[in-house]
Amino acid sequence: MKRYLNSIWTNCGRFLGMVLLLLPFVGSAHANAEELNIYSHRQAFLIDPFLEAFTAKTGIKTNVVFAAKGLAQRLQREGKNSPADVVLTVDIARLSVYAEKGLFTKIDSTILNNAIPSHLRDEDGHWFGLSLRSRIIGVSKDRTQEGEISSYEELADPKWKGRICSRPGSHVYNRALVASMIATHGEAKAEVWARGVVKNFARRPQGNDRAQAKAIFQGECDIAIINHYYYGKMLKSEKQAQRDWANAINIVFANQGQDGRGAHINISGGGVAVHSKNKANAIKLLEFLVSDEAQMLYGKINYEYPVNPATPLAPELKIWGDFKKDSLPISRLAELAPKAQMIIDRVGW
C-alpha cells in the first residue's frame, strides 16, 4: 500500500510540474498564427527587447519559457504535443544537442542564408548563428606591457607561470576554446598547449568570467581568459566594484597578426522546433533577428557582435572596435568537444 501511495504522489508531482511549465502558454492557441511560443536558454532581460521589437514590427505576440538547463530534454519528451515554435540558446555545443536529437526542423531561408556567413550556420539549415562572442585575453594594466601577449598559444609560455586565472576548463566556453586549438594544431599539440596553460595557473580554476577580472584587480593573477562581452558589462556596470575590475585590465583579441587565424569566436543562435505549429512565423522571427535593427540590439544590450557582416557596429562596441575573427566552421567546435573534454580532464584544467 505504501509503495502504491508513493507512486500516486510521484505521478501527481510530475503532472503538477508539467502544468507549471506550461503556464506561460496558457491561453495561447496551439495553432494561433499570430503567436509564437519560444523556449529560451537566454534570460528574459536579454531577449525581451528583441521580442518587443519583433511584435511591434509584425504584430505577432510571443510567449517565452526560460530555463538554463533541461529544455532539450523537455522538447524531446513533449514530442508532437510540444507547443514550442522556436528555440534560442547560446554556444554551438548547446545548439548541436538540439540538432543531434532531431529537435530542429530544416528550413531554407534566403534572408538567413544571405545574412549569415556559411561557417556560422548549419549546412543543412537546422540552426543559425545570431550573434558573436569572442574568448579574449584580459591582462593587467599595471603588471603587463602592451603587446606582451597576443595569441592563445602564448598562454602556455612558461613566462606566465603562476600568473593566469581561468574558470574551469569543462565549462562550454573553455571547452570550445580547446576544441578550436585541436582544429588548428591537432589533438596532440592542443594537449601540450593545454598542459602548459594549466602549469601557468595562479590558482585552481574557479568562478565565472567576472571572477577572473576581479582576481586580476586583486592581484591574484595578471592574465585571464574571459568572454569579451563580460568586459563591456563590467565597464558599464551600475556596480562600482565591477567597474573597478574592468578598469584594471586591458583586453586582447588574440591571433590578430597578418598570419594569425583570428580570435576564437562562438555564437548565440536558434532554430525552429521540429513540431512547430507556426513554422512560417517562426522563420520570420529568426529572419528578424538577423536584421540590422536586431543585430544592433545585440551590441547595445549584451555587447555581442553582429553575425551579419553587413551590419554596422553598435556604438557600445566601438569602445574597442572590430577584430579579425577565426573563420573555422563553428560546427567543428561541437564535433571536437568530446576530444576537448578528454584533454581538459587529462591535464586537470
Protein backbone atom coordinates (compact mmCIF):
# COMPACT_ATOMS: atom_id res chain seq x y z
CA MET A 1 0.00 0.00 0.00
CA LYS A 2 2.83 2.41 0.94
CA ARG A 3 4.56 1.77 -2.39
CA TYR A 4 1.25 2.33 -4.20
CA LEU A 5 0.66 5.68 -2.43
CA ASN A 6 4.23 6.80 -3.13
CA SER A 7 3.67 6.03 -6.80
CA ILE A 8 0.50 8.16 -6.82
CA TRP A 9 2.29 11.11 -5.21
CA THR A 10 5.21 10.80 -7.63
CA ASN A 11 2.92 10.83 -10.65
CA CYS A 12 0.95 13.77 -9.23
CA GLY A 13 4.19 15.65 -8.74
CA ARG A 14 5.21 15.06 -12.32
CA PHE A 15 1.82 16.19 -13.59
CA LEU A 16 1.94 19.36 -11.47
CA GLY A 17 5.45 20.10 -12.76
CA MET A 18 4.27 19.84 -16.35
CA VAL A 19 1.33 22.14 -15.63
CA LEU A 20 3.60 24.77 -14.07
CA LEU A 21 5.99 24.65 -17.01
CA LEU A 22 3.13 25.12 -19.45
CA LEU A 23 1.59 28.08 -17.63
CA PRO A 24 3.31 30.70 -19.84
CA PHE A 25 1.47 29.18 -22.80
CA VAL A 26 -1.98 29.00 -21.20
CA GLY A 27 -4.41 30.99 -23.28
CA SER A 28 -2.28 30.87 -26.44
CA ALA A 29 -3.88 28.71 -29.10
CA HIS A 30 -1.62 25.93 -30.28
CA ALA A 31 -2.03 26.88 -33.91
CA ASN A 32 -2.59 30.62 -33.49
CA ALA A 33 -0.64 32.10 -36.37
CA GLU A 34 -0.37 35.43 -34.56
CA GLU A 35 1.54 33.99 -31.59
CA LEU A 36 4.85 32.23 -31.20
CA ASN A 37 5.98 30.03 -28.33
CA ILE A 38 9.68 30.27 -27.55
CA TYR A 39 11.92 28.05 -25.45
CA SER A 40 14.88 30.17 -24.38
CA HIS A 41 18.15 29.45 -22.61
CA ARG A 42 18.74 33.20 -22.66
CA GLN A 43 17.39 35.18 -19.74
CA ALA A 44 14.30 37.32 -20.18
CA PHE A 45 16.04 40.69 -19.88
CA LEU A 46 18.32 39.71 -22.77
CA ILE A 47 15.63 38.68 -25.24
CA ASP A 48 12.61 40.77 -24.25
CA PRO A 49 13.79 43.87 -26.18
CA PHE A 50 14.13 41.76 -29.34
CA LEU A 51 10.70 40.20 -28.94
CA GLU A 52 9.06 43.55 -28.21
CA ALA A 53 10.61 44.97 -31.40
CA PHE A 54 9.51 41.90 -33.35
CA THR A 55 5.93 42.21 -32.13
CA ALA A 56 5.89 45.95 -32.89
CA LYS A 57 7.06 45.22 -36.43
CA THR A 58 4.89 42.19 -37.21
CA GLY A 59 2.00 42.17 -34.75
CA ILE A 60 2.96 38.61 -33.77
CA LYS A 61 2.87 38.08 -30.00
CA THR A 62 5.42 35.88 -28.23
CA ASN A 63 5.26 33.62 -25.19
CA VAL A 64 8.52 32.54 -23.57
CA VAL A 65 9.65 29.73 -21.30
CA PHE A 66 13.12 30.35 -19.89
CA ALA A 67 15.33 27.67 -18.37
CA ALA A 68 19.10 27.45 -18.09
CA LYS A 69 19.00 23.66 -18.46
CA GLY A 70 16.70 20.84 -19.49
CA LEU A 71 14.80 22.43 -22.36
CA ALA A 72 16.11 20.00 -24.98
CA GLN A 73 15.05 17.05 -22.84
CA ARG A 74 11.67 18.65 -22.30
CA LEU A 75 11.17 19.25 -26.01
CA GLN A 76 12.09 15.63 -26.68
CA ARG A 77 9.61 14.34 -24.10
CA GLU A 78 6.80 16.50 -25.45
CA GLY A 79 7.22 15.19 -28.98
CA LYS A 80 4.42 16.19 -31.37
CA ASN A 81 2.48 17.73 -28.49
CA SER A 82 5.13 20.36 -27.84
CA PRO A 83 3.88 23.95 -28.00
CA ALA A 84 7.37 25.24 -28.88
CA ASP A 85 7.94 27.07 -32.16
CA VAL A 86 11.44 28.50 -31.70
CA VAL A 87 14.45 27.65 -29.54
CA LEU A 88 17.01 30.32 -28.63
CA THR A 89 20.25 29.39 -26.91
CA VAL A 90 23.95 30.19 -26.57
CA ASP A 91 27.04 28.24 -27.59
CA ILE A 92 27.36 25.88 -30.54
CA ALA A 93 27.53 22.88 -28.20
CA ARG A 94 24.01 23.55 -26.93
CA LEU A 95 22.66 24.16 -30.43
CA SER A 96 24.18 20.87 -31.52
CA VAL A 97 22.34 18.98 -28.78
CA TYR A 98 19.03 20.02 -30.33
CA ALA A 99 20.21 19.13 -33.83
CA GLU A 100 21.55 15.73 -32.77
CA LYS A 101 18.25 14.89 -31.07
CA GLY A 102 16.33 15.84 -34.22
CA LEU A 103 14.55 18.70 -32.46
CA PHE A 104 15.08 21.34 -35.17
CA THR A 105 13.31 21.34 -38.50
CA LYS A 106 15.21 22.07 -41.68
CA ILE A 107 14.43 25.46 -43.16
CA ASP A 108 15.57 27.20 -46.31
CA SER A 109 15.50 30.98 -45.99
CA THR A 110 17.19 33.26 -48.48
CA ILE A 111 17.26 36.02 -45.87
CA LEU A 112 19.05 33.85 -43.31
CA ASN A 113 21.42 32.34 -45.86
CA ASN A 114 22.38 35.76 -47.22
CA ALA A 115 22.78 37.42 -43.83
CA ILE A 116 24.72 34.69 -42.02
CA PRO A 117 28.13 33.52 -43.30
CA SER A 118 28.10 29.81 -44.13
CA HIS A 119 30.57 28.89 -41.37
CA LEU A 120 28.19 30.30 -38.76
CA ARG A 121 25.10 28.24 -39.64
CA ASP A 122 24.23 24.60 -40.13
CA GLU A 123 24.92 23.47 -43.69
CA ASP A 124 21.59 21.61 -43.65
CA GLY A 125 19.58 24.58 -42.35
CA HIS A 126 18.71 23.25 -38.89
CA TRP A 127 20.28 26.04 -36.79
CA PHE A 128 21.60 29.56 -37.33
CA GLY A 129 24.11 31.77 -35.54
CA LEU A 130 22.53 35.05 -34.44
CA SER A 131 25.34 36.89 -32.65
CA LEU A 132 29.06 36.53 -31.96
CA ARG A 133 31.18 36.48 -28.82
CA SER A 134 34.94 36.07 -28.57
CA ARG A 135 37.10 34.36 -25.95
CA ILE A 136 39.61 37.09 -25.22
CA ILE A 137 42.67 37.56 -23.03
CA GLY A 138 42.37 40.05 -20.21
CA VAL A 139 45.69 41.49 -18.99
CA SER A 140 46.63 43.60 -16.00
CA LYS A 141 47.22 47.24 -16.89
CA ASP A 142 49.80 47.56 -14.12
CA ARG A 143 51.71 44.29 -14.38
CA THR A 144 51.90 43.59 -18.13
CA GLN A 145 53.11 45.63 -21.06
CA GLU A 146 51.23 46.33 -24.28
CA GLY A 147 51.89 43.59 -26.84
CA GLU A 148 53.43 41.24 -24.26
CA ILE A 149 50.86 38.61 -25.15
CA SER A 150 48.94 38.46 -28.42
CA SER A 151 47.90 34.84 -29.02
CA TYR A 152 46.24 31.90 -27.31
CA GLU A 153 49.38 29.87 -27.95
CA GLU A 154 51.39 32.24 -25.73
CA LEU A 155 49.22 31.38 -22.74
CA ALA A 156 51.35 28.22 -22.42
CA ASP A 157 54.64 30.17 -22.34
CA PRO A 158 56.48 29.42 -19.05
CA LYS A 159 56.99 33.18 -18.59
CA TRP A 160 53.40 33.28 -17.34
CA LYS A 161 53.90 30.61 -14.66
CA GLY A 162 51.73 31.44 -11.65
CA ARG A 163 50.12 34.40 -13.43
CA ILE A 164 47.00 33.07 -15.23
CA CYS A 165 43.42 32.73 -13.95
CA SER A 166 40.58 30.81 -15.60
CA ARG A 167 37.18 29.35 -14.89
CA PRO A 168 37.07 25.52 -15.01
CA GLY A 169 38.05 24.00 -18.34
CA SER A 170 34.91 21.87 -18.51
CA HIS A 171 32.73 24.96 -18.95
CA VAL A 172 31.39 25.17 -22.51
CA TYR A 173 33.28 28.42 -23.17
CA ASN A 174 36.68 26.91 -22.39
CA ARG A 175 35.84 23.56 -23.95
CA ALA A 176 35.08 25.37 -27.20
CA LEU A 177 38.41 27.19 -27.00
CA VAL A 178 40.27 23.90 -26.56
CA ALA A 179 38.27 22.46 -29.48
CA SER A 180 39.45 25.37 -31.64
CA MET A 181 43.04 24.58 -30.69
CA ILE A 182 42.52 20.95 -31.74
CA ALA A 183 41.11 22.13 -35.07
CA THR A 184 44.10 24.40 -35.62
CA HIS A 185 47.01 22.36 -34.28
CA GLY A 186 45.80 18.77 -33.94
CA GLU A 187 44.94 16.85 -30.80
CA ALA A 188 48.50 16.12 -29.61
CA LYS A 189 49.71 19.72 -29.84
CA ALA A 190 46.49 21.02 -28.33
CA GLU A 191 47.07 18.80 -25.29
CA VAL A 192 50.65 20.05 -24.92
CA TRP A 193 49.30 23.59 -25.05
CA ALA A 194 46.55 22.92 -22.50
CA ARG A 195 49.05 21.29 -20.15
CA GLY A 196 51.26 24.36 -20.44
CA VAL A 197 48.34 26.67 -19.66
CA VAL A 198 47.47 24.65 -16.55
CA LYS A 199 51.08 24.87 -15.35
CA ASN A 200 50.79 28.64 -15.53
CA PHE A 201 47.69 28.91 -13.34
CA ALA A 202 47.93 31.19 -10.34
CA ARG A 203 45.14 29.30 -8.58
CA ARG A 204 42.74 26.42 -9.03
CA PRO A 205 40.24 27.16 -11.87
CA GLN A 206 37.14 28.63 -10.26
CA GLY A 207 34.33 31.14 -10.60
CA ASN A 208 32.81 32.73 -13.67
CA ASP A 209 34.39 35.13 -16.15
CA ARG A 210 33.77 38.19 -13.98
CA ALA A 211 35.63 36.43 -11.15
CA GLN A 212 38.73 36.27 -13.34
CA ALA A 213 38.72 40.04 -13.89
CA LYS A 214 38.24 40.52 -10.15
CA ALA A 215 41.24 38.27 -9.49
CA ILE A 216 43.41 40.49 -11.70
CA PHE A 217 42.15 43.59 -9.87
CA GLN A 218 43.01 41.96 -6.53
CA GLY A 219 46.48 40.95 -7.72
CA GLU A 220 45.92 37.18 -7.69
CA CYS A 221 46.93 36.91 -11.34
CA ASP A 222 47.96 39.04 -14.31
CA ILE A 223 46.25 37.22 -17.18
CA ALA A 224 42.71 35.85 -17.54
CA ILE A 225 40.63 34.10 -20.19
CA ILE A 226 37.17 35.65 -20.49
CA ASN A 227 34.35 36.30 -22.98
CA HIS A 228 34.58 39.81 -24.38
CA TYR A 229 31.04 40.90 -23.51
CA TYR A 230 31.68 40.45 -19.79
CA TYR A 231 34.26 43.20 -20.07
CA GLY A 232 31.68 45.51 -21.63
CA LYS A 233 29.11 44.67 -18.97
CA MET A 234 31.57 45.29 -16.14
CA LEU A 235 32.86 48.50 -17.69
CA LYS A 236 29.32 49.93 -17.83
CA SER A 237 28.01 48.24 -14.70
CA GLU A 238 25.99 50.16 -12.11
CA LYS A 239 28.22 48.49 -9.50
CA GLN A 240 31.40 50.42 -8.76
CA ALA A 241 33.27 47.23 -7.86
CA GLN A 242 32.70 45.73 -11.31
CA ARG A 243 33.77 48.95 -13.00
CA ASP A 244 36.96 48.80 -10.94
CA TRP A 245 37.60 45.23 -12.10
CA ALA A 246 37.17 46.20 -15.74
CA ASN A 247 39.31 49.31 -15.43
CA ALA A 248 42.14 47.20 -14.03
CA ILE A 249 42.54 45.28 -17.30
CA ASN A 250 43.16 45.72 -20.99
CA ILE A 251 41.64 43.22 -23.38
CA VAL A 252 43.41 41.41 -26.19
CA PHE A 253 41.61 39.91 -29.18
CA ALA A 254 44.02 37.08 -29.88
CA ASN A 255 45.79 35.98 -33.06
CA GLN A 256 45.23 39.23 -34.94
CA GLY A 257 48.53 39.36 -36.82
CA GLN A 258 48.87 39.05 -40.58
CA ASP A 259 49.46 35.31 -40.27
CA GLY A 260 47.03 34.88 -37.38
CA ARG A 261 43.85 32.92 -37.81
CA GLY A 262 41.84 35.48 -35.85
CA ALA A 263 40.26 35.36 -32.42
CA HIS A 264 38.23 32.33 -31.38
CA ILE A 265 34.50 33.01 -31.58
CA ASN A 266 31.32 31.31 -30.52
CA ILE A 267 27.69 32.13 -31.19
CA SER A 268 24.27 32.58 -29.77
CA GLY A 269 21.76 31.01 -32.11
CA GLY A 270 18.44 29.42 -32.70
CA GLY A 271 16.31 27.08 -34.73
CA VAL A 272 12.69 26.25 -35.49
CA ALA A 273 11.25 23.44 -33.35
CA VAL A 274 10.58 20.30 -35.37
CA HIS A 275 6.92 20.14 -34.32
CA SER A 276 6.21 23.89 -34.53
CA LYS A 277 2.63 24.68 -35.48
CA ASN A 278 3.66 28.14 -36.74
CA LYS A 279 6.75 27.49 -38.82
CA ALA A 280 6.25 30.42 -41.19
CA ASN A 281 6.19 32.93 -38.35
CA ALA A 282 8.95 31.09 -36.51
CA ILE A 283 11.14 31.66 -39.56
CA LYS A 284 10.07 35.31 -39.57
CA LEU A 285 11.41 35.67 -36.05
CA LEU A 286 14.81 34.23 -36.97
CA GLU A 287 14.90 36.46 -40.05
CA PHE A 288 14.11 39.48 -37.89
CA LEU A 289 16.96 38.57 -35.53
CA VAL A 290 19.50 38.96 -38.37
CA SER A 291 18.08 42.30 -39.50
CA ASP A 292 20.15 45.43 -38.84
CA GLU A 293 17.67 46.50 -36.15
CA ALA A 294 18.08 43.31 -34.13
CA GLN A 295 21.78 42.89 -34.86
CA MET A 296 22.44 46.36 -33.46
CA LEU A 297 20.42 45.41 -30.37
CA TYR A 298 22.79 42.52 -29.66
CA GLY A 299 25.58 45.05 -29.31
CA LYS A 300 23.55 47.52 -27.29
CA ILE A 301 22.10 45.02 -24.83
CA ASN A 302 24.82 42.41 -24.42
CA TYR A 303 27.92 43.77 -26.17
CA GLU A 304 27.75 40.93 -28.69
CA TYR A 305 28.97 41.36 -32.25
CA PRO A 306 26.63 41.07 -35.24
CA VAL A 307 26.68 37.78 -37.09
CA ASN A 308 25.62 39.71 -40.21
CA PRO A 309 28.83 41.24 -41.61
CA ALA A 310 26.84 43.98 -43.34
CA THR A 311 25.51 45.36 -40.05
CA PRO A 312 27.40 48.38 -38.66
CA LEU A 313 28.84 48.07 -35.18
CA ALA A 314 26.62 49.32 -32.37
CA PRO A 315 28.08 52.36 -30.57
CA GLU A 316 28.61 50.18 -27.48
CA LEU A 317 31.08 48.01 -29.42
CA LYS A 318 33.12 50.94 -30.68
CA ILE A 319 34.76 51.08 -27.24
CA TRP A 320 37.21 48.52 -28.61
CA GLY A 321 36.22 48.27 -32.27
CA ASP A 322 36.11 45.32 -34.64
CA PHE A 323 38.58 42.45 -34.81
CA LYS A 324 39.75 39.61 -37.03
CA LYS A 325 37.64 36.51 -36.40
CA ASP A 326 38.52 32.85 -36.81
CA SER A 327 36.66 31.53 -39.86
CA LEU A 328 36.65 27.91 -38.64
CA PRO A 329 33.24 26.32 -39.33
CA ILE A 330 31.52 26.76 -36.00
CA SER A 331 30.12 23.22 -36.16
CA ARG A 332 33.67 21.89 -35.76
CA LEU A 333 33.70 23.15 -32.19
CA ALA A 334 30.79 20.86 -31.34
CA GLU A 335 32.30 17.93 -33.24
CA LEU A 336 35.60 18.26 -31.37
CA ALA A 337 34.06 18.97 -27.95
CA PRO A 338 34.35 15.36 -26.71
CA LYS A 339 38.09 15.28 -27.57
CA ALA A 340 38.49 18.70 -25.96
CA GLN A 341 36.86 17.46 -22.77
CA MET A 342 39.18 14.45 -22.64
CA ILE A 343 42.17 16.77 -22.89
CA ILE A 344 40.74 19.02 -20.18
CA ASP A 345 40.30 16.01 -17.91
CA ARG A 346 43.78 14.67 -18.60
CA VAL A 347 45.59 17.95 -17.87
CA GLY A 348 43.47 18.81 -14.84
CA TRP A 349 42.03 22.10 -16.06
